[in-house]
């Protein structure tokens, strides 16, 4: 079966997305200017707007790109794990290194986008909301699977613990980025590990 080769326009769009993904994820939507985009891509303003309607469309495409990169990274780590608990324990191990090259440059795209787009960009807010709800659903599924397999207590409330896991992860990311206190990262991820072990 033949795979279609992307045409020039699709390749240019993808090039713009890949080159600007680290900028949007680091500087945010408001902080990223069209000049940043042209500087990163070495393309003219006309070329950018020839491939995207506006900066909003670039930002949304970039968020989806960064989110997909994060999801692939998590899926790769979880693919070698057999149990629900092992799959959940991938999170503290991965987020211990959220400042490394493993992650999209700028850290977690969900948190970055959710914080900035809260009141200023309803479209970005909506896709960030969908991403976090999908993540929550996945955690609920894994916790319930673990309960079925007697890895976790039958009294564990999956919905409550899933939200707690997300809150601890995203709160850690925000705290470390805000304070620069990377020395707290290990202890916070150990707390997440203990939470999962005690489910």
N, C-alpha and C. Protein backbone atom coordinates (compact mmCIF):
# COMPACT_ATOMS: atom_id res chain seq x y z
N UNK A 1 0.84 -1.20 0.00
CA UNK A 1 0.00 0.00 0.00
C UNK A 1 0.88 1.25 0.00
N UNK A 2 0.61 2.16 -0.93
CA UNK A 2 1.42 3.39 -1.06
C UNK A 2 0.98 4.43 -0.05
N UNK A 3 1.96 5.11 0.50
CA UNK A 3 1.63 6.24 1.36
C UNK A 3 1.81 7.51 0.55
N UNK A 4 0.87 8.42 0.72
CA UNK A 4 0.92 9.65 -0.05
C UNK A 4 2.04 10.56 0.46
N UNK A 5 2.80 11.10 -0.48
CA UNK A 5 3.85 12.05 -0.12
C UNK A 5 3.21 13.41 0.10
N UNK A 6 3.52 14.06 1.21
CA UNK A 6 2.92 15.38 1.45
C UNK A 6 3.31 16.36 0.34
N UNK A 7 2.36 17.19 -0.09
CA UNK A 7 2.67 18.18 -1.12
C UNK A 7 3.47 19.33 -0.51
N UNK A 8 3.89 20.24 -1.36
CA UNK A 8 4.76 21.33 -0.90
C UNK A 8 4.09 22.16 0.20
N UNK A 9 2.81 22.46 0.04
CA UNK A 9 2.09 23.26 1.02
C UNK A 9 2.04 22.56 2.37
N UNK A 10 1.76 21.24 2.36
CA UNK A 10 1.71 20.47 3.61
C UNK A 10 3.08 20.43 4.28
N UNK A 11 4.12 20.28 3.47
CA UNK A 11 5.49 20.24 4.01
C UNK A 11 5.87 21.58 4.63
N UNK A 12 5.43 22.67 3.98
CA UNK A 12 5.72 24.01 4.51
C UNK A 12 4.98 24.24 5.82
N UNK A 13 3.72 23.85 5.86
CA UNK A 13 2.93 23.98 7.10
C UNK A 13 3.61 23.21 8.24
N UNK A 14 4.02 21.98 7.95
CA UNK A 14 4.66 21.16 8.98
C UNK A 14 5.99 21.77 9.43
N UNK A 15 6.72 22.33 8.47
CA UNK A 15 7.99 23.00 8.78
C UNK A 15 7.76 24.18 9.73
N UNK A 16 6.73 24.98 9.45
CA UNK A 16 6.41 26.14 10.29
C UNK A 16 6.02 25.66 11.70
N UNK A 17 5.21 24.63 11.77
CA UNK A 17 4.77 24.09 13.06
C UNK A 17 5.98 23.61 13.88
N UNK A 18 6.84 22.82 13.26
CA UNK A 18 7.99 22.25 13.98
C UNK A 18 8.97 23.33 14.44
N UNK A 19 9.16 24.34 13.62
CA UNK A 19 10.12 25.40 13.98
C UNK A 19 9.58 26.33 15.06
N UNK A 20 8.26 26.51 15.09
CA UNK A 20 7.70 27.45 16.06
C UNK A 20 7.17 26.78 17.32
N UNK A 21 7.10 25.44 17.31
CA UNK A 21 6.59 24.71 18.49
C UNK A 21 7.34 25.06 19.77
N UNK A 22 8.69 25.09 19.76
CA UNK A 22 9.39 25.43 21.00
C UNK A 22 9.14 26.88 21.45
N UNK A 23 8.93 27.77 20.48
CA UNK A 23 8.73 29.19 20.81
C UNK A 23 7.38 29.40 21.50
N UNK A 24 6.32 28.88 20.88
CA UNK A 24 4.99 29.01 21.48
C UNK A 24 4.94 28.35 22.86
N UNK A 25 5.59 27.19 23.00
CA UNK A 25 5.53 26.46 24.26
C UNK A 25 6.37 27.12 25.36
N UNK A 26 7.31 27.96 24.95
CA UNK A 26 8.16 28.66 25.92
C UNK A 26 7.64 30.07 26.20
N UNK A 27 7.33 30.80 25.14
CA UNK A 27 6.93 32.21 25.29
C UNK A 27 5.42 32.40 25.42
N UNK A 28 4.66 31.38 25.03
CA UNK A 28 3.20 31.49 25.08
C UNK A 28 2.62 32.14 23.84
N UNK A 29 1.30 32.11 23.75
CA UNK A 29 0.61 32.68 22.59
C UNK A 29 0.83 34.19 22.50
N UNK A 30 0.58 34.89 23.60
CA UNK A 30 0.70 36.35 23.59
C UNK A 30 2.14 36.79 23.39
N UNK A 31 3.08 36.02 23.94
CA UNK A 31 4.49 36.40 23.87
C UNK A 31 5.17 36.07 22.55
N UNK A 32 4.51 35.26 21.72
CA UNK A 32 5.08 34.89 20.42
C UNK A 32 4.54 35.83 19.35
N UNK A 33 5.45 36.52 18.69
CA UNK A 33 5.05 37.48 17.66
C UNK A 33 5.25 36.87 16.27
N UNK A 34 4.68 37.53 15.29
CA UNK A 34 4.89 37.09 13.90
C UNK A 34 6.37 37.20 13.54
N UNK A 35 7.06 38.15 14.15
CA UNK A 35 8.52 38.29 13.92
C UNK A 35 9.27 37.08 14.45
N UNK A 36 8.81 36.54 15.60
CA UNK A 36 9.42 35.31 16.13
C UNK A 36 9.25 34.16 15.15
N UNK A 37 8.06 34.10 14.55
CA UNK A 37 7.75 33.02 13.62
C UNK A 37 8.60 33.14 12.35
N UNK A 38 8.70 34.35 11.81
CA UNK A 38 9.51 34.53 10.59
C UNK A 38 10.99 34.32 10.87
N UNK A 39 11.44 34.72 12.06
CA UNK A 39 12.86 34.53 12.42
C UNK A 39 13.19 33.05 12.56
N UNK A 40 12.28 32.29 13.15
CA UNK A 40 12.52 30.86 13.37
C UNK A 40 12.47 30.06 12.08
N UNK A 41 11.60 30.48 11.17
CA UNK A 41 11.40 29.72 9.93
C UNK A 41 12.22 30.24 8.76
N UNK A 42 12.68 31.51 8.89
CA UNK A 42 13.38 32.20 7.78
C UNK A 42 12.45 32.38 6.58
N UNK A 43 11.14 32.42 6.88
CA UNK A 43 10.14 32.64 5.83
C UNK A 43 9.57 34.05 5.98
N UNK A 44 8.98 34.55 4.93
CA UNK A 44 8.39 35.88 4.98
C UNK A 44 7.02 35.81 5.67
N UNK A 45 6.56 36.98 6.08
CA UNK A 45 5.23 37.08 6.68
C UNK A 45 4.17 36.57 5.70
N UNK A 46 4.37 36.89 4.43
CA UNK A 46 3.44 36.44 3.39
C UNK A 46 3.39 34.93 3.28
N UNK A 47 4.55 34.28 3.43
CA UNK A 47 4.61 32.82 3.38
C UNK A 47 3.88 32.20 4.56
N UNK A 48 4.03 32.81 5.73
CA UNK A 48 3.34 32.30 6.92
C UNK A 48 1.84 32.38 6.71
N UNK A 49 1.36 33.57 6.30
CA UNK A 49 -0.07 33.76 6.12
C UNK A 49 -0.60 33.10 4.85
N UNK A 50 0.30 32.65 4.00
CA UNK A 50 -0.12 31.87 2.84
C UNK A 50 -0.44 30.44 3.21
N UNK A 51 0.08 30.02 4.37
CA UNK A 51 -0.14 28.65 4.84
C UNK A 51 -1.07 28.55 6.04
N UNK A 52 -1.21 29.64 6.77
CA UNK A 52 -2.11 29.71 7.93
C UNK A 52 -2.92 30.99 7.85
N UNK A 53 -4.19 30.92 8.26
CA UNK A 53 -5.05 32.10 8.20
C UNK A 53 -4.53 33.23 9.08
N UNK A 54 -4.05 32.84 10.27
CA UNK A 54 -3.60 33.84 11.24
C UNK A 54 -2.74 33.17 12.30
N UNK A 55 -2.30 33.95 13.26
CA UNK A 55 -1.46 33.42 14.33
C UNK A 55 -2.21 32.39 15.17
N UNK A 56 -3.52 32.59 15.32
CA UNK A 56 -4.34 31.63 16.08
C UNK A 56 -4.21 30.23 15.51
N UNK A 57 -4.31 30.15 14.19
CA UNK A 57 -4.25 28.84 13.53
C UNK A 57 -2.88 28.19 13.73
N UNK A 58 -1.83 28.99 13.69
CA UNK A 58 -0.48 28.46 13.95
C UNK A 58 -0.42 27.95 15.38
N UNK A 59 -0.91 28.74 16.33
CA UNK A 59 -0.85 28.37 17.76
C UNK A 59 -1.60 27.07 18.03
N UNK A 60 -2.77 26.91 17.43
CA UNK A 60 -3.57 25.70 17.64
C UNK A 60 -2.85 24.48 17.05
N UNK A 61 -2.30 24.64 15.85
CA UNK A 61 -1.55 23.55 15.20
C UNK A 61 -0.32 23.17 16.02
N UNK A 62 0.34 24.17 16.56
CA UNK A 62 1.53 23.95 17.38
C UNK A 62 1.17 23.22 18.68
N UNK A 63 0.06 23.63 19.31
CA UNK A 63 -0.36 22.95 20.53
C UNK A 63 -0.60 21.47 20.25
N UNK A 64 -1.31 21.18 19.17
CA UNK A 64 -1.61 19.78 18.81
C UNK A 64 -0.32 19.00 18.54
N UNK A 65 0.65 19.66 17.92
CA UNK A 65 1.94 19.04 17.63
C UNK A 65 2.68 18.71 18.93
N UNK A 66 2.75 19.69 19.84
CA UNK A 66 3.44 19.47 21.12
C UNK A 66 2.73 18.43 21.97
N UNK A 67 1.40 18.46 21.95
CA UNK A 67 0.62 17.49 22.71
C UNK A 67 0.86 16.08 22.18
N UNK A 68 0.88 15.94 20.85
CA UNK A 68 1.10 14.64 20.22
C UNK A 68 2.49 14.11 20.59
N UNK A 69 3.47 14.99 20.61
CA UNK A 69 4.84 14.60 20.99
C UNK A 69 4.85 14.07 22.43
N UNK A 70 4.15 14.76 23.33
CA UNK A 70 4.07 14.34 24.72
C UNK A 70 3.35 12.99 24.84
N UNK A 71 2.24 12.85 24.13
CA UNK A 71 1.46 11.61 24.19
C UNK A 71 2.25 10.42 23.66
N UNK A 72 3.01 10.64 22.58
CA UNK A 72 3.84 9.57 22.02
C UNK A 72 4.91 9.14 23.00
N UNK A 73 5.50 10.11 23.69
CA UNK A 73 6.54 9.83 24.67
C UNK A 73 5.99 8.97 25.80
N UNK A 74 4.80 9.32 26.30
CA UNK A 74 4.17 8.56 27.37
C UNK A 74 3.80 7.17 26.89
N UNK A 75 3.20 7.09 25.69
CA UNK A 75 2.80 5.79 25.13
C UNK A 75 3.99 4.87 24.93
N UNK A 76 5.11 5.42 24.51
CA UNK A 76 6.33 4.63 24.31
C UNK A 76 6.82 4.04 25.63
N UNK A 77 6.80 4.87 26.68
CA UNK A 77 7.24 4.41 28.00
C UNK A 77 6.29 3.33 28.54
N UNK A 78 5.00 3.52 28.32
CA UNK A 78 4.02 2.59 28.87
C UNK A 78 3.93 1.29 28.08
N UNK A 79 4.36 1.31 26.82
CA UNK A 79 4.21 0.13 25.96
C UNK A 79 4.95 -1.10 26.47
N UNK A 80 6.04 -0.88 27.19
CA UNK A 80 6.82 -2.02 27.71
C UNK A 80 6.33 -2.49 29.08
N UNK A 81 5.36 -1.78 29.64
CA UNK A 81 4.85 -2.13 30.97
C UNK A 81 3.62 -3.02 30.85
N UNK A 82 3.53 -3.99 31.75
CA UNK A 82 2.44 -4.96 31.64
C UNK A 82 1.23 -4.60 32.52
N UNK A 83 1.48 -4.11 33.72
CA UNK A 83 0.36 -3.88 34.64
C UNK A 83 -0.07 -2.41 34.65
N UNK A 84 -1.27 -2.19 35.17
CA UNK A 84 -1.80 -0.83 35.28
C UNK A 84 -0.92 0.00 36.21
N UNK A 85 -0.47 -0.59 37.30
CA UNK A 85 0.38 0.14 38.24
C UNK A 85 1.69 0.55 37.58
N UNK A 86 2.30 -0.36 36.84
CA UNK A 86 3.56 -0.04 36.13
C UNK A 86 3.35 1.09 35.14
N UNK A 87 2.22 1.08 34.46
CA UNK A 87 1.92 2.13 33.48
C UNK A 87 1.76 3.48 34.18
N UNK A 88 1.09 3.49 35.33
CA UNK A 88 0.91 4.73 36.09
C UNK A 88 2.24 5.23 36.65
N UNK A 89 3.10 4.30 37.04
CA UNK A 89 4.39 4.69 37.62
C UNK A 89 5.34 5.29 36.57
N UNK A 90 4.95 5.20 35.30
CA UNK A 90 5.72 5.88 34.24
C UNK A 90 5.66 7.40 34.43
N UNK A 91 4.56 7.90 35.00
CA UNK A 91 4.39 9.35 35.12
C UNK A 91 5.41 10.01 36.04
N UNK A 92 5.59 9.52 37.29
CA UNK A 92 6.64 10.16 38.10
C UNK A 92 8.03 10.01 37.51
N UNK A 93 8.27 8.89 36.84
CA UNK A 93 9.59 8.69 36.23
C UNK A 93 9.80 9.66 35.07
N UNK A 94 8.80 9.83 34.25
CA UNK A 94 8.90 10.74 33.10
C UNK A 94 8.98 12.20 33.54
N UNK A 95 8.10 12.61 34.45
CA UNK A 95 8.05 14.01 34.84
C UNK A 95 9.21 14.42 35.74
N UNK A 96 9.96 13.44 36.21
CA UNK A 96 11.20 13.74 36.91
C UNK A 96 12.19 14.41 35.95
N UNK A 97 11.96 14.16 34.66
CA UNK A 97 12.86 14.68 33.62
C UNK A 97 12.14 15.66 32.68
N UNK A 98 11.12 16.35 33.21
CA UNK A 98 10.33 17.21 32.30
C UNK A 98 11.12 18.40 31.76
N UNK A 99 12.27 18.69 32.36
CA UNK A 99 13.11 19.78 31.86
C UNK A 99 14.14 19.29 30.84
N UNK A 100 14.13 17.99 30.57
CA UNK A 100 15.12 17.42 29.65
C UNK A 100 14.63 17.49 28.20
N UNK A 101 15.50 17.03 27.31
CA UNK A 101 15.18 17.05 25.87
C UNK A 101 14.10 16.05 25.51
N UNK A 102 13.75 15.16 26.44
CA UNK A 102 12.68 14.19 26.18
C UNK A 102 11.35 14.90 25.93
N UNK A 103 11.13 15.97 26.69
CA UNK A 103 9.86 16.70 26.64
C UNK A 103 9.89 17.77 25.56
N UNK A 104 8.72 18.21 25.09
CA UNK A 104 8.69 19.38 24.21
C UNK A 104 9.39 20.55 24.91
N UNK A 105 10.17 21.32 24.16
CA UNK A 105 10.87 22.48 24.74
C UNK A 105 9.84 23.41 25.37
N UNK A 106 10.09 23.79 26.62
CA UNK A 106 9.14 24.66 27.33
C UNK A 106 8.31 23.93 28.35
N UNK A 107 8.40 22.58 28.35
CA UNK A 107 7.67 21.80 29.35
C UNK A 107 6.34 21.27 28.87
N UNK A 108 5.41 21.11 29.81
CA UNK A 108 4.12 20.49 29.50
C UNK A 108 3.21 21.46 28.72
N UNK A 109 2.88 21.12 27.47
CA UNK A 109 2.06 22.03 26.66
C UNK A 109 0.64 22.21 27.20
N UNK A 110 0.12 21.21 27.91
CA UNK A 110 -1.24 21.32 28.44
C UNK A 110 -1.30 22.44 29.48
N UNK A 111 -0.36 22.38 30.44
CA UNK A 111 -0.37 23.40 31.49
C UNK A 111 -0.06 24.78 30.92
N UNK A 112 0.96 24.86 30.07
CA UNK A 112 1.35 26.15 29.49
C UNK A 112 0.17 26.81 28.78
N UNK A 113 -0.53 26.02 27.99
CA UNK A 113 -1.65 26.55 27.21
C UNK A 113 -2.86 26.85 28.09
N UNK A 114 -3.15 25.96 29.03
CA UNK A 114 -4.32 26.15 29.90
C UNK A 114 -4.22 27.43 30.71
N UNK A 115 -3.04 27.70 31.27
CA UNK A 115 -2.85 28.89 32.10
C UNK A 115 -3.02 30.16 31.28
N UNK A 116 -2.37 30.20 30.12
CA UNK A 116 -2.39 31.43 29.33
C UNK A 116 -3.73 31.65 28.64
N UNK A 117 -4.34 30.58 28.15
CA UNK A 117 -5.55 30.72 27.34
C UNK A 117 -6.82 30.82 28.17
N UNK A 118 -6.70 30.73 29.48
CA UNK A 118 -7.87 30.69 30.36
C UNK A 118 -8.90 31.78 30.03
N UNK A 119 -8.46 33.01 29.96
CA UNK A 119 -9.40 34.11 29.72
C UNK A 119 -9.17 34.83 28.39
N UNK A 120 -8.07 34.51 27.74
CA UNK A 120 -7.70 35.31 26.57
C UNK A 120 -7.95 34.63 25.23
N UNK A 121 -8.02 33.31 25.22
CA UNK A 121 -8.13 32.63 23.94
C UNK A 121 -9.04 31.41 24.07
N UNK A 122 -10.35 31.58 23.83
CA UNK A 122 -11.30 30.48 24.05
C UNK A 122 -11.01 29.21 23.24
N UNK A 123 -10.50 29.37 22.00
CA UNK A 123 -10.20 28.17 21.19
C UNK A 123 -9.08 27.34 21.80
N UNK A 124 -8.02 28.02 22.21
CA UNK A 124 -6.91 27.31 22.84
C UNK A 124 -7.35 26.71 24.17
N UNK A 125 -8.17 27.45 24.91
CA UNK A 125 -8.67 26.95 26.19
C UNK A 125 -9.45 25.65 25.98
N UNK A 126 -10.27 25.63 24.94
CA UNK A 126 -11.10 24.46 24.67
C UNK A 126 -10.27 23.23 24.31
N UNK A 127 -9.24 23.39 23.47
CA UNK A 127 -8.44 22.21 23.11
C UNK A 127 -7.56 21.76 24.27
N UNK A 128 -7.13 22.70 25.12
CA UNK A 128 -6.37 22.33 26.32
C UNK A 128 -7.28 21.57 27.29
N UNK A 129 -8.52 22.02 27.39
CA UNK A 129 -9.52 21.37 28.26
C UNK A 129 -9.77 19.94 27.78
N UNK A 130 -9.94 19.76 26.46
CA UNK A 130 -10.17 18.43 25.91
C UNK A 130 -8.98 17.51 26.18
N UNK A 131 -7.77 18.07 26.08
CA UNK A 131 -6.56 17.28 26.30
C UNK A 131 -6.48 16.80 27.75
N UNK A 132 -6.79 17.68 28.68
CA UNK A 132 -6.68 17.31 30.09
C UNK A 132 -7.80 16.34 30.49
N UNK A 133 -8.98 16.49 29.90
CA UNK A 133 -10.07 15.56 30.17
C UNK A 133 -9.77 14.18 29.61
N UNK A 134 -9.14 14.14 28.44
CA UNK A 134 -8.75 12.85 27.84
C UNK A 134 -7.69 12.16 28.71
N UNK A 135 -6.75 12.94 29.23
CA UNK A 135 -5.73 12.42 30.13
C UNK A 135 -6.39 11.88 31.40
N UNK A 136 -7.32 12.63 31.95
CA UNK A 136 -8.06 12.22 33.14
C UNK A 136 -8.79 10.89 32.89
N UNK A 137 -9.45 10.79 31.74
CA UNK A 137 -10.18 9.56 31.39
C UNK A 137 -9.24 8.37 31.30
N UNK A 138 -8.05 8.60 30.74
CA UNK A 138 -7.06 7.53 30.61
C UNK A 138 -6.58 7.05 31.99
N UNK A 139 -6.36 8.01 32.90
CA UNK A 139 -5.94 7.65 34.26
C UNK A 139 -7.04 6.88 34.99
N UNK A 140 -8.28 7.31 34.82
CA UNK A 140 -9.41 6.61 35.44
C UNK A 140 -9.46 5.17 34.93
N UNK A 141 -9.28 5.02 33.63
CA UNK A 141 -9.29 3.68 33.02
C UNK A 141 -8.20 2.79 33.64
N UNK A 142 -6.98 3.34 33.76
CA UNK A 142 -5.86 2.55 34.30
C UNK A 142 -6.09 2.19 35.77
N UNK A 143 -6.63 3.14 36.54
CA UNK A 143 -6.88 2.87 37.96
C UNK A 143 -7.96 1.78 38.09
N UNK A 144 -9.02 1.88 37.32
CA UNK A 144 -10.08 0.86 37.37
C UNK A 144 -9.57 -0.50 36.91
N UNK A 145 -8.69 -0.47 35.91
CA UNK A 145 -8.08 -1.72 35.42
C UNK A 145 -7.25 -2.34 36.54
N UNK A 146 -6.50 -1.51 37.24
CA UNK A 146 -5.70 -1.99 38.36
C UNK A 146 -6.56 -2.57 39.48
N UNK A 147 -7.72 -1.97 39.71
CA UNK A 147 -8.65 -2.49 40.72
C UNK A 147 -9.17 -3.87 40.32
N UNK A 148 -9.48 -4.01 39.03
CA UNK A 148 -9.97 -5.30 38.52
C UNK A 148 -8.91 -6.39 38.68
N UNK A 149 -7.66 -6.01 38.53
CA UNK A 149 -6.56 -6.98 38.59
C UNK A 149 -5.96 -7.10 40.00
N UNK A 150 -6.68 -6.52 40.98
CA UNK A 150 -6.26 -6.58 42.39
C UNK A 150 -4.90 -5.92 42.66
N UNK A 151 -4.55 -4.95 41.85
CA UNK A 151 -3.32 -4.18 42.10
C UNK A 151 -3.61 -3.02 43.05
N UNK A 152 -4.85 -2.52 43.01
CA UNK A 152 -5.26 -1.39 43.84
C UNK A 152 -6.43 -1.79 44.73
N UNK A 153 -6.65 -1.01 45.76
CA UNK A 153 -7.74 -1.28 46.70
C UNK A 153 -9.10 -1.14 46.01
N UNK A 154 -10.03 -1.94 46.40
CA UNK A 154 -11.39 -1.85 45.82
C UNK A 154 -12.08 -0.56 46.25
N UNK A 155 -11.60 0.03 47.36
CA UNK A 155 -12.21 1.27 47.87
C UNK A 155 -11.67 2.53 47.19
N UNK A 156 -10.63 2.36 46.35
CA UNK A 156 -10.05 3.52 45.66
C UNK A 156 -11.07 4.14 44.71
N UNK A 157 -11.26 5.43 44.82
CA UNK A 157 -12.17 6.15 43.91
C UNK A 157 -11.34 6.67 42.73
N UNK A 158 -11.50 6.03 41.60
CA UNK A 158 -10.65 6.31 40.43
C UNK A 158 -10.72 7.77 40.00
N UNK A 159 -11.92 8.34 39.97
CA UNK A 159 -12.09 9.72 39.51
C UNK A 159 -11.32 10.70 40.40
N UNK A 160 -11.38 10.46 41.69
CA UNK A 160 -10.71 11.34 42.66
C UNK A 160 -9.19 11.24 42.53
N UNK A 161 -8.68 10.01 42.43
CA UNK A 161 -7.23 9.80 42.37
C UNK A 161 -6.65 10.27 41.04
N UNK A 162 -7.42 10.13 39.96
CA UNK A 162 -6.95 10.59 38.64
C UNK A 162 -6.72 12.10 38.67
N UNK A 163 -7.67 12.83 39.25
CA UNK A 163 -7.53 14.28 39.36
C UNK A 163 -6.35 14.67 40.25
N UNK A 164 -6.15 13.89 41.31
CA UNK A 164 -5.04 14.15 42.23
C UNK A 164 -3.69 13.95 41.54
N UNK A 165 -3.60 12.92 40.71
CA UNK A 165 -2.36 12.65 39.96
C UNK A 165 -2.06 13.82 39.02
N UNK A 166 -3.08 14.26 38.28
CA UNK A 166 -2.88 15.39 37.36
C UNK A 166 -2.50 16.65 38.12
N UNK A 167 -3.20 16.91 39.22
CA UNK A 167 -2.92 18.11 40.01
C UNK A 167 -1.49 18.11 40.55
N UNK A 168 -1.02 16.94 40.99
CA UNK A 168 0.34 16.85 41.52
C UNK A 168 1.38 17.03 40.42
N UNK A 169 1.11 16.45 39.26
CA UNK A 169 2.04 16.60 38.13
C UNK A 169 2.11 18.05 37.67
N UNK A 170 0.93 18.62 37.37
CA UNK A 170 0.91 19.97 36.81
C UNK A 170 1.32 21.02 37.85
N UNK A 171 0.96 20.77 39.10
CA UNK A 171 1.39 21.67 40.16
C UNK A 171 2.90 21.66 40.33
N UNK A 172 3.49 20.48 40.20
CA UNK A 172 4.95 20.36 40.28
C UNK A 172 5.62 21.12 39.14
N UNK A 173 5.10 20.92 37.93
CA UNK A 173 5.67 21.59 36.76
C UNK A 173 5.62 23.10 36.94
N UNK A 174 4.47 23.60 37.38
CA UNK A 174 4.31 25.04 37.59
C UNK A 174 5.26 25.57 38.67
N UNK A 175 5.35 24.84 39.78
CA UNK A 175 6.19 25.26 40.90
C UNK A 175 7.67 25.31 40.52
N UNK A 176 8.12 24.28 39.82
CA UNK A 176 9.54 24.21 39.44
C UNK A 176 9.87 25.29 38.42
N UNK A 177 8.97 25.49 37.46
CA UNK A 177 9.21 26.53 36.45
C UNK A 177 9.20 27.92 37.07
N UNK A 178 8.31 28.12 38.02
CA UNK A 178 8.16 29.42 38.65
C UNK A 178 9.32 29.76 39.58
N UNK A 179 9.73 28.78 40.39
CA UNK A 179 10.76 29.04 41.39
C UNK A 179 12.18 28.69 40.94
N UNK A 180 12.26 27.80 39.94
CA UNK A 180 13.58 27.33 39.51
C UNK A 180 14.19 26.34 40.49
N UNK A 181 13.40 25.91 41.50
CA UNK A 181 13.90 25.00 42.54
C UNK A 181 13.82 23.55 42.05
N UNK A 182 14.73 23.18 41.19
CA UNK A 182 14.74 21.82 40.64
C UNK A 182 15.06 20.78 41.71
N UNK A 183 15.62 21.23 42.84
CA UNK A 183 15.94 20.30 43.93
C UNK A 183 14.66 19.71 44.55
N UNK A 184 13.51 20.37 44.32
CA UNK A 184 12.24 19.85 44.86
C UNK A 184 11.61 18.80 43.94
N UNK A 185 12.11 18.71 42.74
CA UNK A 185 11.48 17.85 41.73
C UNK A 185 11.46 16.38 42.17
N UNK A 186 12.58 15.89 42.66
CA UNK A 186 12.66 14.48 43.05
C UNK A 186 11.70 14.15 44.19
N UNK A 187 11.65 15.03 45.20
CA UNK A 187 10.77 14.75 46.35
C UNK A 187 9.30 14.79 45.95
N UNK A 188 8.95 15.71 45.05
CA UNK A 188 7.56 15.80 44.60
C UNK A 188 7.16 14.59 43.76
N UNK A 189 8.07 14.13 42.91
CA UNK A 189 7.78 12.94 42.11
C UNK A 189 7.79 11.67 42.96
N UNK A 190 8.55 11.68 44.04
CA UNK A 190 8.50 10.57 44.99
C UNK A 190 7.15 10.54 45.69
N UNK A 191 6.59 11.72 45.95
CA UNK A 191 5.25 11.81 46.54
C UNK A 191 4.21 11.24 45.59
N UNK A 192 4.37 11.53 44.30
CA UNK A 192 3.46 10.98 43.29
C UNK A 192 3.59 9.47 43.22
N UNK A 193 4.81 8.99 43.27
CA UNK A 193 5.07 7.55 43.25
C UNK A 193 4.39 6.88 44.44
N UNK A 194 4.53 7.49 45.63
CA UNK A 194 3.91 6.94 46.85
C UNK A 194 2.39 6.92 46.73
N UNK A 195 1.84 7.97 46.13
CA UNK A 195 0.38 8.04 45.92
C UNK A 195 -0.09 6.87 45.05
N UNK A 196 0.64 6.61 43.96
CA UNK A 196 0.27 5.53 43.05
C UNK A 196 0.44 4.16 43.73
N UNK A 197 1.52 4.00 44.48
CA UNK A 197 1.77 2.74 45.18
C UNK A 197 0.66 2.44 46.20
N UNK A 198 0.04 3.50 46.71
CA UNK A 198 -0.96 3.35 47.77
C UNK A 198 -2.41 3.36 47.25
N UNK A 199 -2.59 3.31 45.96
CA UNK A 199 -3.94 3.38 45.40
C UNK A 199 -4.78 2.16 45.85
